[in-house]
Amino acid sequence: MEGPTGLFDRMLRKADNGSNFVIESVRCPGEVDLLQSRGGKLVGVDAPLEIRFARAVLRGSGTDRISLEQFVQEEQIEAGNTDPNKQNIAECMRRADSTLKNDSDSFVELGLKILVLKDELGV
């Protein structure tokens, strides 16, 4: 048995070939600990609640067909779990090395923000 961060550990080992790489959807403090202990940088990507909800609705997957109230309730659950091996997005965002605000529909604007962030992180 690998433990709660076993899958994440395997992803890190597989991706780490001496070059830069991105792993998305880090949501557990245990994953943050593992990433940062290996010299990785965590970038918290955030947007206002209304924009996140609108994007979820546009995605249209089965889990995204919910009301705004349900969306808020699920986000609150994911944001504050005290178990380090369960989702706690608020704690992961707090521990982020940098934060990127993804609040525009412009891919050009997002691309520019990523270039600036890349320079800040030295990658």
PDB file of N, CA and C in Angstrom:
ATOM      1  N   MET A   1       0.839  -1.186   0.000  1.00  0.00           N
ATOM      2  CA  MET A   1       0.000   0.000   0.000  1.00  0.00           C
ATOM      3  C   MET A   1       0.879   1.243   0.000  1.00  0.00           C
ATOM      4  N   GLU A   2       0.559   2.193  -0.835  1.00  0.00           N
ATOM      5  CA  GLU A   2       1.382   3.381  -0.998  1.00  0.00           C
ATOM      6  C   GLU A   2       0.989   4.538  -0.094  1.00  0.00           C
ATOM      7  N   GLY A   3      -0.145   4.520   0.485  1.00  0.00           N
ATOM      8  CA  GLY A   3      -0.601   5.633   1.292  1.00  0.00           C
ATOM      9  C   GLY A   3      -1.373   6.639   0.462  1.00  0.00           C
ATOM     10  N   PRO A   4      -1.880   7.683   1.107  1.00  0.00           N
ATOM     11  CA  PRO A   4      -2.778   8.621   0.446  1.00  0.00           C
ATOM     12  C   PRO A   4      -2.128   9.465  -0.655  1.00  0.00           C
ATOM     13  N   THR A   5      -0.798   9.635  -0.634  1.00  0.00           N
ATOM     14  CA  THR A   5      -0.147  10.419  -1.689  1.00  0.00           C
ATOM     15  C   THR A   5       0.597   9.523  -2.675  1.00  0.00           C
ATOM     16  N   GLY A   6       0.322   8.219  -2.634  1.00  0.00           N
ATOM     17  CA  GLY A   6       1.022   7.270  -3.493  1.00  0.00           C
ATOM     18  C   GLY A   6       0.879   7.564  -4.976  1.00  0.00           C
ATOM     19  N   LEU A   7      -0.331   7.812  -5.434  1.00  0.00           N
ATOM     20  CA  LEU A   7      -0.550   8.114  -6.849  1.00  0.00           C
ATOM     21  C   LEU A   7       0.183   9.392  -7.236  1.00  0.00           C
ATOM     22  N   PHE A   8       0.095  10.398  -6.389  1.00  0.00           N
ATOM     23  CA  PHE A   8       0.767  11.670  -6.662  1.00  0.00           C
ATOM     24  C   PHE A   8       2.284  11.465  -6.710  1.00  0.00           C
ATOM     25  N   ASP A   9       2.816  10.661  -5.811  1.00  0.00           N
ATOM     26  CA  ASP A   9       4.245  10.347  -5.795  1.00  0.00           C
ATOM     27  C   ASP A   9       4.657   9.679  -7.103  1.00  0.00           C
ATOM     28  N   ARG A  10       3.864   8.732  -7.576  1.00  0.00           N
ATOM     29  CA  ARG A  10       4.174   8.068  -8.849  1.00  0.00           C
ATOM     30  C   ARG A  10       4.132   9.050 -10.015  1.00  0.00           C
ATOM     31  N   MET A  11       3.164   9.989 -10.006  1.00  0.00           N
ATOM     32  CA  MET A  11       3.107  10.997 -11.068  1.00  0.00           C
ATOM     33  C   MET A  11       4.361  11.861 -11.059  1.00  0.00           C
ATOM     34  N   LEU A  12       4.778  12.282  -9.876  1.00  0.00           N
ATOM     35  CA  LEU A  12       5.989  13.105  -9.778  1.00  0.00           C
ATOM     36  C   LEU A  12       7.206  12.361 -10.307  1.00  0.00           C
ATOM     37  N   ARG A  13       7.364  11.114  -9.914  1.00  0.00           N
ATOM     38  CA  ARG A  13       8.517  10.335 -10.373  1.00  0.00           C
ATOM     39  C   ARG A  13       8.483  10.133 -11.884  1.00  0.00           C
ATOM     40  N   LYS A  14       7.325   9.873 -12.427  1.00  0.00           N
ATOM     41  CA  LYS A  14       7.210   9.659 -13.871  1.00  0.00           C
ATOM     42  C   LYS A  14       7.479  10.947 -14.654  1.00  0.00           C
ATOM     43  N   ALA A  15       7.002  12.070 -14.148  1.00  0.00           N
ATOM     44  CA  ALA A  15       7.160  13.348 -14.846  1.00  0.00           C
ATOM     45  C   ALA A  15       8.569  13.919 -14.709  1.00  0.00           C
ATOM     46  N   ASP A  16       9.271  13.573 -13.648  1.00  0.00           N
ATOM     47  CA  ASP A  16      10.572  14.189 -13.360  1.00  0.00           C
ATOM     48  C   ASP A  16      11.679  13.549 -14.189  1.00  0.00           C
ATOM     49  N   ASN A  17      11.886  14.127 -15.374  1.00  0.00           N
ATOM     50  CA  ASN A  17      12.956  13.656 -16.248  1.00  0.00           C
ATOM     51  C   ASN A  17      14.013  14.733 -16.451  1.00  0.00           C
ATOM     52  N   GLY A  18      14.109  15.653 -15.500  1.00  0.00           N
ATOM     53  CA  GLY A  18      15.090  16.728 -15.582  1.00  0.00           C
ATOM     54  C   GLY A  18      14.593  17.984 -16.266  1.00  0.00           C
ATOM     55  N   SER A  19      13.369  17.971 -16.763  1.00  0.00           N
ATOM     56  CA  SER A  19      12.823  19.167 -17.406  1.00  0.00           C
ATOM     57  C   SER A  19      11.636  19.680 -16.592  1.00  0.00           C
ATOM     58  N   ASN A  20      11.169  20.848 -16.957  1.00  0.00           N
ATOM     59  CA  ASN A  20      10.011  21.416 -16.270  1.00  0.00           C
ATOM     60  C   ASN A  20       8.747  20.671 -16.689  1.00  0.00           C
ATOM     61  N   PHE A  21       7.814  20.547 -15.776  1.00  0.00           N
ATOM     62  CA  PHE A  21       6.547  19.889 -16.070  1.00  0.00           C
ATOM     63  C   PHE A  21       5.473  20.503 -15.197  1.00  0.00           C
ATOM     64  N   VAL A  22       4.228  20.240 -15.571  1.00  0.00           N
ATOM     65  CA  VAL A  22       3.070  20.765 -14.844  1.00  0.00           C
ATOM     66  C   VAL A  22       2.179  19.596 -14.451  1.00  0.00           C
ATOM     67  N   ILE A  23       1.778  19.592 -13.206  1.00  0.00           N
ATOM     68  CA  ILE A  23       0.757  18.663 -12.723  1.00  0.00           C
ATOM     69  C   ILE A  23      -0.388  19.526 -12.223  1.00  0.00           C
ATOM     70  N   GLU A  24      -1.564  19.311 -12.769  1.00  0.00           N
ATOM     71  CA  GLU A  24      -2.695  20.149 -12.378  1.00  0.00           C
ATOM     72  C   GLU A  24      -3.555  19.447 -11.345  1.00  0.00           C
ATOM     73  N   SER A  25      -4.346  20.253 -10.673  1.00  0.00           N
ATOM     74  CA  SER A  25      -5.344  19.777  -9.722  1.00  0.00           C
ATOM     75  C   SER A  25      -4.745  19.226  -8.433  1.00  0.00           C
ATOM     76  N   VAL A  26      -3.769  19.931  -7.880  1.00  0.00           N
ATOM     77  CA  VAL A  26      -3.242  19.597  -6.555  1.00  0.00           C
ATOM     78  C   VAL A  26      -4.248  20.150  -5.554  1.00  0.00           C
ATOM     79  N   ARG A  27      -4.841  19.273  -4.758  1.00  0.00           N
ATOM     80  CA  ARG A  27      -5.933  19.693  -3.880  1.00  0.00           C
ATOM     81  C   ARG A  27      -5.765  19.252  -2.434  1.00  0.00           C
ATOM     82  N   CYS A  28      -4.701  18.509  -2.141  1.00  0.00           N
ATOM     83  CA  CYS A  28      -4.502  17.981  -0.794  1.00  0.00           C
ATOM     84  C   CYS A  28      -3.194  18.497  -0.201  1.00  0.00           C
ATOM     85  N   PRO A  29      -3.211  18.962   1.044  1.00  0.00           N
ATOM     86  CA  PRO A  29      -1.976  19.444   1.668  1.00  0.00           C
ATOM     87  C   PRO A  29      -0.847  18.408   1.643  1.00  0.00           C
ATOM     88  N   GLY A  30      -1.174  17.125   1.736  1.00  0.00           N
ATOM     89  CA  GLY A  30      -0.140  16.096   1.655  1.00  0.00           C
ATOM     90  C   GLY A  30       0.566  16.105   0.311  1.00  0.00           C
ATOM     91  N   GLU A  31      -0.177  16.387  -0.751  1.00  0.00           N
ATOM     92  CA  GLU A  31       0.428  16.497  -2.085  1.00  0.00           C
ATOM     93  C   GLU A  31       1.321  17.728  -2.168  1.00  0.00           C
ATOM     94  N   VAL A  32       0.888  18.828  -1.564  1.00  0.00           N
ATOM     95  CA  VAL A  32       1.707  20.040  -1.538  1.00  0.00           C
ATOM     96  C   VAL A  32       3.025  19.762  -0.825  1.00  0.00           C
ATOM     97  N   ASP A  33       2.948  19.099   0.327  1.00  0.00           N
ATOM     98  CA  ASP A  33       4.158  18.760   1.078  1.00  0.00           C
ATOM     99  C   ASP A  33       5.123  17.948   0.223  1.00  0.00           C
ATOM    100  N   LEU A  34       4.606  16.944  -0.458  1.00  0.00           N
ATOM    101  CA  LEU A  34       5.436  16.079  -1.290  1.00  0.00           C
ATOM    102  C   LEU A  34       6.052  16.858  -2.445  1.00  0.00           C
ATOM    103  N   LEU A  35       5.256  17.652  -3.121  1.00  0.00           N
ATOM    104  CA  LEU A  35       5.735  18.463  -4.241  1.00  0.00           C
ATOM    105  C   LEU A  35       6.850  19.405  -3.810  1.00  0.00           C
ATOM    106  N   GLN A  36       6.614  20.157  -2.750  1.00  0.00           N
ATOM    107  CA  GLN A  36       7.590  21.147  -2.304  1.00  0.00           C
ATOM    108  C   GLN A  36       8.830  20.491  -1.696  1.00  0.00           C
ATOM    109  N   SER A  37       8.687  19.313  -1.095  1.00  0.00           N
ATOM    110  CA  SER A  37       9.856  18.628  -0.534  1.00  0.00           C
ATOM    111  C   SER A  37      10.809  18.174  -1.636  1.00  0.00           C
ATOM    112  N   ARG A  38      10.301  18.064  -2.848  1.00  0.00           N
ATOM    113  CA  ARG A  38      11.130  17.667  -3.995  1.00  0.00           C
ATOM    114  C   ARG A  38      11.540  18.861  -4.836  1.00  0.00           C
ATOM    115  N   GLY A  39      11.376  20.066  -4.302  1.00  0.00           N
ATOM    116  CA  GLY A  39      11.803  21.267  -5.001  1.00  0.00           C
ATOM    117  C   GLY A  39      10.796  21.814  -5.982  1.00  0.00           C
ATOM    118  N   GLY A  40       9.600  21.241  -6.016  1.00  0.00           N
ATOM    119  CA  GLY A  40       8.573  21.724  -6.926  1.00  0.00           C
ATOM    120  C   GLY A  40       7.953  23.017  -6.446  1.00  0.00           C
ATOM    121  N   LYS A  41       7.383  23.737  -7.361  1.00  0.00           N
ATOM    122  CA  LYS A  41       6.695  24.997  -7.071  1.00  0.00           C
ATOM    123  C   LYS A  41       5.202  24.810  -7.285  1.00  0.00           C
ATOM    124  N   LEU A  42       4.429  25.279  -6.330  1.00  0.00           N
ATOM    125  CA  LEU A  42       2.983  25.209  -6.440  1.00  0.00           C
ATOM    126  C   LEU A  42       2.448  26.573  -6.855  1.00  0.00           C
ATOM    127  N   VAL A  43       1.701  26.591  -7.949  1.00  0.00           N
ATOM    128  CA  VAL A  43       1.059  27.811  -8.414  1.00  0.00           C
ATOM    129  C   VAL A  43      -0.436  27.652  -8.170  1.00  0.00           C
ATOM    130  N   GLY A  44      -0.974  28.505  -7.337  1.00  0.00           N
ATOM    131  CA  GLY A  44      -2.411  28.511  -7.096  1.00  0.00           C
ATOM    132  C   GLY A  44      -3.100  29.300  -8.191  1.00  0.00           C
ATOM    133  N   VAL A  45      -4.037  28.685  -8.869  1.00  0.00           N
ATOM    134  CA  VAL A  45      -4.787  29.358  -9.931  1.00  0.00           C
ATOM    135  C   VAL A  45      -6.187  29.599  -9.398  1.00  0.00           C
ATOM    136  N   ASP A  46      -6.599  30.855  -9.441  1.00  0.00           N
ATOM    137  CA  ASP A  46      -7.884  31.210  -8.848  1.00  0.00           C
ATOM    138  C   ASP A  46      -8.648  32.165  -9.754  1.00  0.00           C
ATOM    139  N   ALA A  47      -9.943  32.191  -9.560  1.00  0.00           N
ATOM    140  CA  ALA A  47     -10.837  33.114 -10.256  1.00  0.00           C
ATOM    141  C   ALA A  47     -12.011  33.371  -9.331  1.00  0.00           C
ATOM    142  N   PRO A  48     -12.707  34.473  -9.532  1.00  0.00           N
ATOM    143  CA  PRO A  48     -13.888  34.734  -8.706  1.00  0.00           C
ATOM    144  C   PRO A  48     -14.917  33.608  -8.831  1.00  0.00           C
ATOM    145  N   LEU A  49     -15.656  33.397  -7.776  1.00  0.00           N
ATOM    146  CA  LEU A  49     -16.646  32.323  -7.699  1.00  0.00           C
ATOM    147  C   LEU A  49     -17.592  32.328  -8.893  1.00  0.00           C
ATOM    148  N   GLU A  50     -18.099  33.475  -9.271  1.00  0.00           N
ATOM    149  CA  GLU A  50     -19.062  33.552 -10.371  1.00  0.00           C
ATOM    150  C   GLU A  50     -18.449  33.063 -11.674  1.00  0.00           C
ATOM    151  N   ILE A  51     -17.184  33.395 -11.899  1.00  0.00           N
ATOM    152  CA  ILE A  51     -16.506  32.953 -13.122  1.00  0.00           C
ATOM    153  C   ILE A  51     -16.276  31.442 -13.074  1.00  0.00           C
ATOM    154  N   ARG A  52     -15.860  30.925 -11.921  1.00  0.00           N
ATOM    155  CA  ARG A  52     -15.653  29.474 -11.801  1.00  0.00           C
ATOM    156  C   ARG A  52     -16.955  28.719 -12.053  1.00  0.00           C
ATOM    157  N   PHE A  53     -18.051  29.235 -11.510  1.00  0.00           N
ATOM    158  CA  PHE A  53     -19.346  28.584 -11.714  1.00  0.00           C
ATOM    159  C   PHE A  53     -19.738  28.626 -13.194  1.00  0.00           C
ATOM    160  N   ALA A  54     -19.600  29.769 -13.839  1.00  0.00           N
ATOM    161  CA  ALA A  54     -19.950  29.889 -15.260  1.00  0.00           C
ATOM    162  C   ALA A  54     -19.113  28.931 -16.111  1.00  0.00           C
ATOM    163  N   ARG A  55     -17.843  28.793 -15.793  1.00  0.00           N
ATOM    164  CA  ARG A  55     -16.979  27.871 -16.542  1.00  0.00           C
ATOM    165  C   ARG A  55     -17.403  26.424 -16.311  1.00  0.00           C
ATOM    166  N   ALA A  56     -17.803  26.094 -15.096  1.00  0.00           N
ATOM    167  CA  ALA A  56     -18.277  24.734 -14.810  1.00  0.00           C
ATOM    168  C   ALA A  56     -19.541  24.433 -15.616  1.00  0.00           C
ATOM    169  N   VAL A  57     -20.452  25.396 -15.674  1.00  0.00           N
ATOM    170  CA  VAL A  57     -21.685  25.212 -16.440  1.00  0.00           C
ATOM    171  C   VAL A  57     -21.357  25.015 -17.923  1.00  0.00           C
ATOM    172  N   LEU A  58     -20.425  25.793 -18.440  1.00  0.00           N
ATOM    173  CA  LEU A  58     -20.035  25.662 -19.850  1.00  0.00           C
ATOM    174  C   LEU A  58     -19.376  24.316 -20.140  1.00  0.00           C
ATOM    175  N   ARG A  59     -18.625  23.781 -19.172  1.00  0.00           N
ATOM    176  CA  ARG A  59     -17.998  22.459 -19.347  1.00  0.00           C
ATOM    177  C   ARG A  59     -19.061  21.404 -19.590  1.00  0.00           C
ATOM    178  N   GLY A  60     -20.133  21.488 -18.821  1.00  0.00           N
ATOM    179  CA  GLY A  60     -21.289  20.632 -19.036  1.00  0.00           C
ATOM    180  C   GLY A  60     -21.124  19.164 -18.695  1.00  0.00           C
ATOM    181  N   SER A  61     -20.120  18.808 -17.917  1.00  0.00           N
ATOM    182  CA  SER A  61     -19.999  17.401 -17.530  1.00  0.00           C
ATOM    183  C   SER A  61     -21.108  17.063 -16.535  1.00  0.00           C
ATOM    184  N   GLY A  62     -21.295  15.797 -16.283  1.00  0.00           N
ATOM    185  CA  GLY A  62     -22.358  15.360 -15.373  1.00  0.00           C
ATOM    186  C   GLY A  62     -22.241  15.965 -13.992  1.00  0.00           C
ATOM    187  N   THR A  63     -21.028  16.102 -13.489  1.00  0.00           N
ATOM    188  CA  THR A  63     -20.846  16.666 -12.149  1.00  0.00           C
ATOM    189  C   THR A  63     -20.979  18.183 -12.137  1.00  0.00           C
ATOM    190  N   ASP A  64     -20.969  18.805 -13.313  1.00  0.00           N
ATOM    191  CA  ASP A  64     -21.083  20.262 -13.387  1.00  0.00           C
ATOM    192  C   ASP A  64     -22.516  20.747 -13.559  1.00  0.00           C
ATOM    193  N   ARG A  65     -23.475  19.840 -13.654  1.00  0.00           N
ATOM    194  CA  ARG A  65     -24.879  20.229 -13.818  1.00  0.00           C
ATOM    195  C   ARG A  65     -25.520  20.430 -12.454  1.00  0.00           C
ATOM    196  N   ILE A  66     -25.133  21.537 -11.810  1.00  0.00           N
ATOM    197  CA  ILE A  66     -25.623  21.829 -10.463  1.00  0.00           C
ATOM    198  C   ILE A  66     -26.002  23.300 -10.381  1.00  0.00           C
ATOM    199  N   SER A  67     -26.722  23.619  -9.336  1.00  0.00           N
ATOM    200  CA  SER A  67     -27.108  25.016  -9.108  1.00  0.00           C
ATOM    201  C   SER A  67     -25.940  25.778  -8.499  1.00  0.00           C
ATOM    202  N   LEU A  68     -26.037  27.084  -8.516  1.00  0.00           N
ATOM    203  CA  LEU A  68     -25.018  27.923  -7.887  1.00  0.00           C
ATOM    204  C   LEU A  68     -24.910  27.582  -6.398  1.00  0.00           C
ATOM    205  N   GLU A  69     -26.046  27.348  -5.748  1.00  0.00           N
ATOM    206  CA  GLU A  69     -26.035  27.021  -4.326  1.00  0.00           C
ATOM    207  C   GLU A  69     -25.283  25.712  -4.068  1.00  0.00           C
ATOM    208  N   GLN A  70     -25.518  24.702  -4.910  1.00  0.00           N
ATOM    209  CA  GLN A  70     -24.809  23.422  -4.765  1.00  0.00           C
ATOM    210  C   GLN A  70     -23.311  23.611  -5.024  1.00  0.00           C
ATOM    211  N   PHE A  71     -22.991  24.412  -6.027  1.00  0.00           N
ATOM    212  CA  PHE A  71     -21.601  24.688  -6.378  1.00  0.00           C
ATOM    213  C   PHE A  71     -20.879  25.311  -5.187  1.00  0.00           C
ATOM    214  N   VAL A  72     -21.499  26.310  -4.560  1.00  0.00           N
ATOM    215  CA  VAL A  72     -20.923  26.980  -3.394  1.00  0.00           C
ATOM    216  C   VAL A  72     -20.747  25.986  -2.251  1.00  0.00           C
ATOM    217  N   GLN A  73     -21.757  25.160  -2.020  1.00  0.00           N
ATOM    218  CA  GLN A  73     -21.687  24.181  -0.940  1.00  0.00           C
ATOM    219  C   GLN A  73     -20.532  23.190  -1.168  1.00  0.00           C
ATOM    220  N   GLU A  74     -20.383  22.688  -2.384  1.00  0.00           N
ATOM    221  CA  GLU A  74     -19.292  21.757  -2.690  1.00  0.00           C
ATOM    222  C   GLU A  74     -17.930  22.432  -2.538  1.00  0.00           C
ATOM    223  N   GLU A  75     -17.828  23.685  -2.960  1.00  0.00           N
ATOM    224  CA  GLU A  75     -16.567  24.412  -2.805  1.00  0.00           C
ATOM    225  C   GLU A  75     -16.207  24.594  -1.332  1.00  0.00           C
ATOM    226  N   GLN A  76     -17.196  24.856  -0.504  1.00  0.00           N
ATOM    227  CA  GLN A  76     -16.929  25.013   0.930  1.00  0.00           C
ATOM    228  C   GLN A  76     -16.421  23.713   1.536  1.00  0.00           C
ATOM    229  N   ILE A  77     -16.982  22.592   1.111  1.00  0.00           N
ATOM    230  CA  ILE A  77     -16.525  21.292   1.608  1.00  0.00           C
ATOM    231  C   ILE A  77     -15.085  21.043   1.170  1.00  0.00           C
ATOM    232  N   GLU A  78     -14.771  21.312  -0.109  1.00  0.00           N
ATOM    233  CA  GLU A  78     -13.424  21.088  -0.639  1.00  0.00           C
ATOM    234  C   GLU A  78     -12.404  22.059  -0.060  1.00  0.00           C
ATOM    235  N   ALA A  79     -12.857  23.191   0.436  1.00  0.00           N
ATOM    236  CA  ALA A  79     -11.942  24.237   0.873  1.00  0.00           C
ATOM    237  C   ALA A  79     -11.437  24.055   2.288  1.00  0.00           C
ATOM    238  N   GLY A  80     -12.099  23.273   3.116  1.00  0.00           N
ATOM    239  CA  GLY A  80     -11.734  23.321   4.514  1.00  0.00           C
ATOM    240  C   GLY A  80     -11.573  22.020   5.255  1.00  0.00           C
ATOM    241  N   ASN A  81     -11.262  20.938   4.594  1.00  0.00           N
ATOM    242  CA  ASN A  81     -11.102  19.664   5.281  1.00  0.00           C
ATOM    243  C   ASN A  81      -9.827  19.688   6.123  1.00  0.00           C
ATOM    244  N   THR A  82      -9.886  19.195   7.343  1.00  0.00           N
ATOM    245  CA  THR A  82      -8.706  19.226   8.228  1.00  0.00           C
ATOM    246  C   THR A  82      -7.799  18.010   8.064  1.00  0.00           C
ATOM    247  N   ASP A  83      -8.232  16.987   7.332  1.00  0.00           N
ATOM    248  CA  ASP A  83      -7.406  15.808   7.078  1.00  0.00           C
ATOM    249  C   ASP A  83      -6.401  16.170   5.984  1.00  0.00           C
ATOM    250  N   PRO A  84      -5.070  16.087   6.241  1.00  0.00           N
ATOM    251  CA  PRO A  84      -4.072  16.499   5.244  1.00  0.00           C
ATOM    252  C   PRO A  84      -4.073  15.649   3.979  1.00  0.00           C
ATOM    253  N   ASN A  85      -4.760  14.525   4.018  1.00  0.00           N
ATOM    254  CA  ASN A  85      -4.810  13.648   2.858  1.00  0.00           C
ATOM    255  C   ASN A  85      -6.123  13.753   2.088  1.00  0.00           C
ATOM    256  N   LYS A  86      -6.942  14.711   2.461  1.00  0.00           N
ATOM    257  CA  LYS A  86      -8.204  14.962   1.770  1.00  0.00           C
ATOM    258  C   LYS A  86      -8.176  16.374   1.197  1.00  0.00           C
ATOM    259  N   GLN A  87      -9.097  16.648   0.316  1.00  0.00           N
ATOM    260  CA  GLN A  87      -9.118  17.955  -0.337  1.00  0.00           C
ATOM    261  C   GLN A  87      -9.257  19.086   0.669  1.00  0.00           C
ATOM    262  N   ASN A  88      -8.363  20.056   0.535  1.00  0.00           N
ATOM    263  CA  ASN A  88      -8.422  21.288   1.306  1.00  0.00           C
ATOM    264  C   ASN A  88      -7.802  22.365   0.430  1.00  0.00           C
ATOM    265  N   ILE A  89      -8.590  22.835  -0.500  1.00  0.00           N
ATOM    266  CA  ILE A  89      -8.092  23.774  -1.501  1.00  0.00           C
ATOM    267  C   ILE A  89      -7.625  25.079  -0.858  1.00  0.00           C
ATOM    268  N   ALA A  90      -8.314  25.537   0.160  1.00  0.00           N
ATOM    269  CA  ALA A  90      -7.912  26.791   0.818  1.00  0.00           C
ATOM    270  C   ALA A  90      -6.512  26.671   1.397  1.00  0.00           C
ATOM    271  N   GLU A  91      -6.202  25.551   2.033  1.00  0.00           N
ATOM    272  CA  GLU A  91      -4.868  25.354   2.599  1.00  0.00           C
ATOM    273  C   GLU A  91      -3.823  25.227   1.493  1.00  0.00           C
ATOM    274  N   CYS A  92      -4.149  24.540   0.419  1.00  0.00           N
ATOM    275  CA  CYS A  92      -3.212  24.431  -0.705  1.00  0.00           C
ATOM    276  C   CYS A  92      -2.936  25.808  -1.305  1.00  0.00           C
ATOM    277  N   MET A  93      -3.966  26.613  -1.452  1.00  0.00           N
ATOM    278  CA  MET A  93      -3.780  27.976  -1.984  1.00  0.00           C
ATOM    279  C   MET A  93      -2.917  28.798  -1.030  1.00  0.00           C
ATOM    280  N   ARG A  94      -3.114  28.627   0.260  1.00  0.00           N
ATOM    281  CA  ARG A  94      -2.320  29.362   1.243  1.00  0.00           C
ATOM    282  C   ARG A  94      -0.843  28.998   1.124  1.00  0.00           C
ATOM    283  N   ARG A  95      -0.554  27.743   0.815  1.00  0.00           N
ATOM    284  CA  ARG A  95       0.818  27.267   0.721  1.00  0.00           C
ATOM    285  C   ARG A  95       1.467  27.502  -0.646  1.00  0.00           C
ATOM    286  N   ALA A  96       0.697  27.999  -1.598  1.00  0.00           N
ATOM    287  CA  ALA A  96       1.217  28.187  -2.955  1.00  0.00           C
ATOM    288  C   ALA A  96       2.422  29.123  -2.967  1.00  0.00           C
ATOM    289  N   ASP A  97       3.386  28.801  -3.819  1.00  0.00           N
ATOM    290  CA  ASP A  97       4.563  29.648  -3.990  1.00  0.00           C
ATOM    291  C   ASP A  97       4.221  30.920  -4.753  1.00  0.00           C
ATOM    292  N   SER A  98       3.241  30.836  -5.626  1.00  0.00           N
ATOM    293  CA  SER A  98       2.755  31.966  -6.415  1.00  0.00           C
ATOM    294  C   SER A  98       1.280  31.736  -6.707  1.00  0.00           C
ATOM    295  N   THR A  99       0.609  32.818  -7.072  1.00  0.00           N
ATOM    296  CA  THR A  99      -0.805  32.720  -7.426  1.00  0.00           C
ATOM    297  C   THR A  99      -1.037  33.386  -8.766  1.00  0.00           C
ATOM    298  N   LEU A 100      -1.864  32.764  -9.571  1.00  0.00           N
ATOM    299  CA  LEU A 100      -2.231  33.311 -10.873  1.00  0.00           C
ATOM    300  C   LEU A 100      -3.731  33.555 -10.865  1.00  0.00           C
ATOM    301  N   LYS A 101      -4.139  34.766 -11.148  1.00  0.00           N
ATOM    302  CA  LYS A 101      -5.562  35.111 -11.200  1.00  0.00           C
ATOM    303  C   LYS A 101      -6.052  34.883 -12.630  1.00  0.00           C
ATOM    304  N   ASN A 102      -6.914  33.882 -12.798  1.00  0.00           N
ATOM    305  CA  ASN A 102      -7.456  33.522 -14.107  1.00  0.00           C
ATOM    306  C   ASN A 102      -8.879  34.057 -14.213  1.00  0.00           C
ATOM    307  N   ASP A 103      -8.991  35.372 -14.341  1.00  0.00           N
ATOM    308  CA  ASP A 103     -10.301  36.014 -14.302  1.00  0.00           C
ATOM    309  C   ASP A 103     -10.725  36.651 -15.618  1.00  0.00           C
ATOM    310  N   SER A 104     -10.073  36.258 -16.705  1.00  0.00           N
ATOM    311  CA  SER A 104     -10.390  36.818 -18.011  1.00  0.00           C
ATOM    312  C   SER A 104     -10.759  35.694 -18.973  1.00  0.00           C
ATOM    313  N   ASP A 105     -11.534  36.012 -19.985  1.00  0.00           N
ATOM    314  CA  ASP A 105     -11.837  35.042 -21.039  1.00  0.00           C
ATOM    315  C   ASP A 105     -10.817  35.100 -22.165  1.00  0.00           C
ATOM    316  N   SER A 106      -9.822  35.956 -22.032  1.00  0.00           N
ATOM    317  CA  SER A 106      -8.823  36.148 -23.073  1.00  0.00           C
ATOM    318  C   SER A 106      -7.644  35.195 -22.880  1.00  0.00           C
ATOM    319  N   PHE A 107      -7.442  34.313 -23.859  1.00  0.00           N
ATOM    320  CA  PHE A 107      -6.297  33.417 -23.794  1.00  0.00           C
ATOM    321  C   PHE A 107      -4.984  34.193 -23.924  1.00  0.00           C
ATOM    322  N   VAL A 108      -5.019  35.300 -24.644  1.00  0.00           N
ATOM    323  CA  VAL A 108      -3.815  36.126 -24.789  1.00  0.00           C
ATOM    324  C   VAL A 108      -3.425  36.705 -23.430  1.00  0.00           C
ATOM    325  N   GLU A 109      -4.404  37.239 -22.714  1.00  0.00           N
ATOM    326  CA  GLU A 109      -4.133  37.796 -21.387  1.00  0.00           C
ATOM    327  C   GLU A 109      -3.617  36.717 -20.431  1.00  0.00           C
ATOM    328  N   LEU A 110      -4.234  35.546 -20.457  1.00  0.00           N
ATOM    329  CA  LEU A 110      -3.777  34.445 -19.615  1.00  0.00           C
ATOM    330  C   LEU A 110      -2.357  34.048 -19.992  1.00  0.00           C
ATOM    331  N   GLY A 111      -2.083  33.974 -21.274  1.00  0.00           N
ATOM    332  CA  GLY A 111      -0.734  33.630 -21.734  1.00  0.00           C
ATOM    333  C   GLY A 111       0.308  34.620 -21.242  1.00  0.00           C
ATOM    334  N   LEU A 112      -0.016  35.896 -21.257  1.00  0.00           N
ATOM    335  CA  LEU A 112       0.910  36.919 -20.755  1.00  0.00           C
ATOM    336  C   LEU A 112       1.142  36.750 -19.255  1.00  0.00           C
ATOM    337  N   LYS A 113       0.091  36.458 -18.517  1.00  0.00           N
ATOM    338  CA  LYS A 113       0.235  36.237 -17.079  1.00  0.00           C
ATOM    339  C   LYS A 113       1.136  35.025 -16.812  1.00  0.00           C
ATOM    340  N   ILE A 114       0.986  33.993 -17.619  1.00  0.00           N
ATOM    341  CA  ILE A 114       1.812  32.789 -17.456  1.00  0.00           C
ATOM    342  C   ILE A 114       3.273  33.104 -17.749  1.00  0.00           C
ATOM    343  N   LEU A 115       3.541  33.906 -18.773  1.00  0.00           N
ATOM    344  CA  LEU A 115       4.927  34.281 -19.085  1.00  0.00           C
ATOM    345  C   LEU A 115       5.557  35.072 -17.944  1.00  0.00           C
ATOM    346  N   VAL A 116       4.819  35.989 -17.361  1.00  0.00           N
ATOM    347  CA  VAL A 116       5.325  36.762 -16.228  1.00  0.00           C
ATOM    348  C   VAL A 116       5.604  35.828 -15.053  1.00  0.00           C
ATOM    349  N   LEU A 117       4.670  34.942 -14.777  1.00  0.00           N
ATOM    350  CA  LEU A 117       4.828  33.989 -13.681  1.00  0.00           C
ATOM    351  C   LEU A 117       6.036  33.089 -13.912  1.00  0.00           C
ATOM    352  N   LYS A 118       6.217  32.650 -15.129  1.00  0.00           N
ATOM    353  CA  LYS A 118       7.348  31.792 -15.482  1.00  0.00           C
ATOM    354  C   LYS A 118       8.667  32.513 -15.164  1.00  0.00           C
ATOM    355  N   ASP A 119       8.748  33.779 -15.503  1.00  0.00           N
ATOM    356  CA  ASP A 119       9.948  34.567 -15.178  1.00  0.00           C
ATOM    357  C   ASP A 119      10.123  34.700 -13.664  1.00  0.00           C
ATOM    358  N   GLU A 120       9.035  34.971 -12.945  1.00  0.00           N
ATOM    359  CA  GLU A 120       9.109  35.106 -11.484  1.00  0.00           C
ATOM    360  C   GLU A 120       9.613  33.835 -10.827  1.00  0.00           C
ATOM    361  N   LEU A 121       9.197  32.674 -11.360  1.00  0.00           N
ATOM    362  CA  LEU A 121       9.591  31.401 -10.779  1.00  0.00           C
ATOM    363  C   LEU A 121      10.957  30.922 -11.287  1.00  0.00           C
ATOM    364  N   GLY A 122      11.452  31.563 -12.320  1.00  0.00           N
ATOM    365  CA  GLY A 122      12.760  31.179 -12.857  1.00  0.00           C
ATOM    366  C   GLY A 122      12.733  29.866 -13.624  1.00  0.00           C
ATOM    367  N   VAL A 123      11.639  29.605 -14.301  1.00  0.00           N
ATOM    368  CA  VAL A 123      11.544  28.373 -15.095  1.00  0.00           C
ATOM    369  C   VAL A 123      11.402  28.667 -16.564  1.00  0.00           C
TER     370      VAL A 123
END
